[in-house]
N, C-alpha and C. Protein backbone atom coordinates (compact mmCIF):
# COMPACT_ATOMS: atom_id res chain seq x y z
N UNK A 1 85.61 -39.07 218.18
CA UNK A 1 85.23 -39.48 216.90
C UNK A 1 85.60 -39.03 216.03
N UNK A 2 86.91 -37.84 216.14
CA UNK A 2 88.02 -37.44 214.74
C UNK A 2 88.77 -38.69 215.33
N UNK A 3 89.57 -39.62 216.38
CA UNK A 3 90.00 -40.56 216.12
C UNK A 3 89.40 -41.89 215.30
N UNK A 4 88.20 -42.14 215.94
CA UNK A 4 87.78 -43.13 215.14
C UNK A 4 87.50 -42.99 213.42
N UNK A 5 87.22 -41.56 213.18
CA UNK A 5 87.26 -41.58 211.80
C UNK A 5 88.47 -41.90 211.12
N UNK A 6 89.58 -41.21 212.18
CA UNK A 6 91.12 -41.10 210.95
C UNK A 6 91.46 -42.63 211.20
N UNK A 7 90.92 -43.60 212.47
CA UNK A 7 91.33 -45.07 211.86
C UNK A 7 90.67 -46.09 211.02
N UNK A 8 89.29 -45.29 210.72
CA UNK A 8 88.90 -45.85 209.61
C UNK A 8 89.30 -45.22 208.33
N UNK A 9 89.57 -44.31 208.34
CA UNK A 9 90.26 -44.13 206.82
C UNK A 9 91.46 -44.63 206.68
N UNK A 10 92.03 -44.96 207.58
CA UNK A 10 93.52 -45.38 207.74
C UNK A 10 93.06 -46.82 207.19
N UNK A 11 92.01 -47.19 207.71
CA UNK A 11 92.37 -48.63 207.26
C UNK A 11 91.49 -49.15 206.42
N UNK A 12 91.06 -47.98 205.34
CA UNK A 12 90.56 -47.88 204.00
C UNK A 12 91.42 -47.47 202.74
N UNK A 13 92.25 -46.98 203.08
CA UNK A 13 92.88 -45.90 202.16
C UNK A 13 94.51 -46.90 201.85
N UNK A 14 93.84 -47.30 200.28
CA UNK A 14 95.05 -48.01 200.19
C UNK A 14 96.82 -47.57 199.78
N UNK A 15 96.93 -46.34 199.97
CA UNK A 15 97.85 -45.80 199.78
C UNK A 15 98.77 -46.10 201.14
N UNK A 16 99.93 -46.78 201.25
CA UNK A 16 100.15 -47.08 202.46
C UNK A 16 101.43 -45.36 203.46
N UNK A 17 101.30 -44.81 202.82
CA UNK A 17 102.40 -43.12 203.06
C UNK A 17 100.55 -42.71 203.76
N UNK A 18 99.38 -42.04 203.18
CA UNK A 18 98.39 -41.72 203.68
C UNK A 18 97.69 -42.61 205.13
N UNK A 19 97.99 -44.10 204.96
CA UNK A 19 97.23 -44.55 206.04
C UNK A 19 98.06 -44.70 207.36
N UNK A 20 99.38 -44.80 207.22
CA UNK A 20 100.66 -44.41 207.55
C UNK A 20 100.09 -43.20 208.98
N UNK A 21 99.53 -42.14 208.16
CA UNK A 21 99.90 -40.93 208.84
C UNK A 21 98.06 -40.58 209.45
N UNK A 22 97.33 -41.53 208.33
CA UNK A 22 95.81 -41.56 209.12
C UNK A 22 96.06 -42.20 210.71
N UNK A 23 96.91 -42.98 210.74
CA UNK A 23 97.53 -43.92 211.88
C UNK A 23 97.80 -42.35 213.07
N UNK A 24 98.61 -41.79 212.61
CA UNK A 24 99.51 -40.89 213.31
C UNK A 24 98.86 -40.03 214.21
N UNK A 25 98.36 -39.69 212.91
CA UNK A 25 96.64 -38.59 213.79
C UNK A 25 95.28 -38.79 214.21
N UNK A 26 95.50 -40.79 214.34
CA UNK A 26 94.64 -41.30 215.47
C UNK A 26 95.05 -41.21 216.24
N UNK A 27 96.37 -41.52 216.71
CA UNK A 27 97.17 -41.77 217.55
C UNK A 27 96.74 -40.75 218.17
N UNK A 28 97.48 -39.62 217.76
CA UNK A 28 97.50 -38.19 218.31
C UNK A 28 96.34 -37.76 218.72
N UNK A 29 94.83 -37.86 218.43
CA UNK A 29 93.48 -37.57 218.99
C UNK A 29 93.44 -38.34 220.13
N UNK A 30 93.78 -39.68 220.45
CA UNK A 30 93.22 -40.23 221.57
C UNK A 30 94.39 -40.06 222.49
N UNK A 31 95.80 -39.84 222.24
CA UNK A 31 96.23 -38.76 223.25
C UNK A 31 96.37 -37.79 224.27
N UNK A 32 95.36 -36.76 223.37
CA UNK A 32 94.76 -35.67 223.61
C UNK A 32 93.28 -36.07 224.32
N UNK A 33 92.49 -36.84 223.68
CA UNK A 33 91.57 -36.72 224.82
C UNK A 33 91.95 -37.52 225.61
N UNK A 34 92.31 -38.43 226.28
CA UNK A 34 92.89 -38.81 227.44
C UNK A 34 93.54 -37.67 227.96
N UNK A 35 94.41 -37.03 228.00
CA UNK A 35 95.24 -35.96 228.72
C UNK A 35 94.07 -35.15 228.74
N UNK A 36 92.90 -34.86 227.95
CA UNK A 36 91.57 -34.34 228.72
C UNK A 36 90.45 -34.77 229.59
N UNK A 37 90.21 -35.98 229.74
CA UNK A 37 89.34 -36.86 229.71
C UNK A 37 90.28 -36.47 231.51
N UNK A 38 91.57 -36.67 231.74
CA UNK A 38 91.95 -36.99 232.96
C UNK A 38 91.76 -35.56 233.54
N UNK A 39 92.42 -34.16 232.65
CA UNK A 39 92.06 -32.87 233.44
C UNK A 39 90.34 -32.78 233.82
N UNK A 40 89.91 -33.51 233.14
CA UNK A 40 88.68 -33.08 234.14
C UNK A 40 87.96 -34.24 234.91
N UNK A 41 88.77 -34.94 235.26
CA UNK A 41 88.38 -35.87 236.61
C UNK A 41 88.28 -37.23 236.55
N UNK A 42 88.20 -37.48 234.96
CA UNK A 42 87.74 -38.30 233.85
C UNK A 42 88.97 -40.11 235.23
N UNK A 43 88.44 -40.96 235.08
CA UNK A 43 88.98 -42.28 235.54
C UNK A 43 89.06 -43.23 233.86
N UNK A 44 90.38 -43.57 233.93
CA UNK A 44 90.52 -44.74 232.90
C UNK A 44 91.18 -45.91 232.87
């Protein structure tokens, strides 16, 4: 959910610096989700 919201904010913001930061945050959330999902035995 956090990743999805950060991506929405990144696409909505007009300030390119803030938009890039939101993209970075979204990417970090996605990586954490993948890592946790893998630890729980999920398949990707």
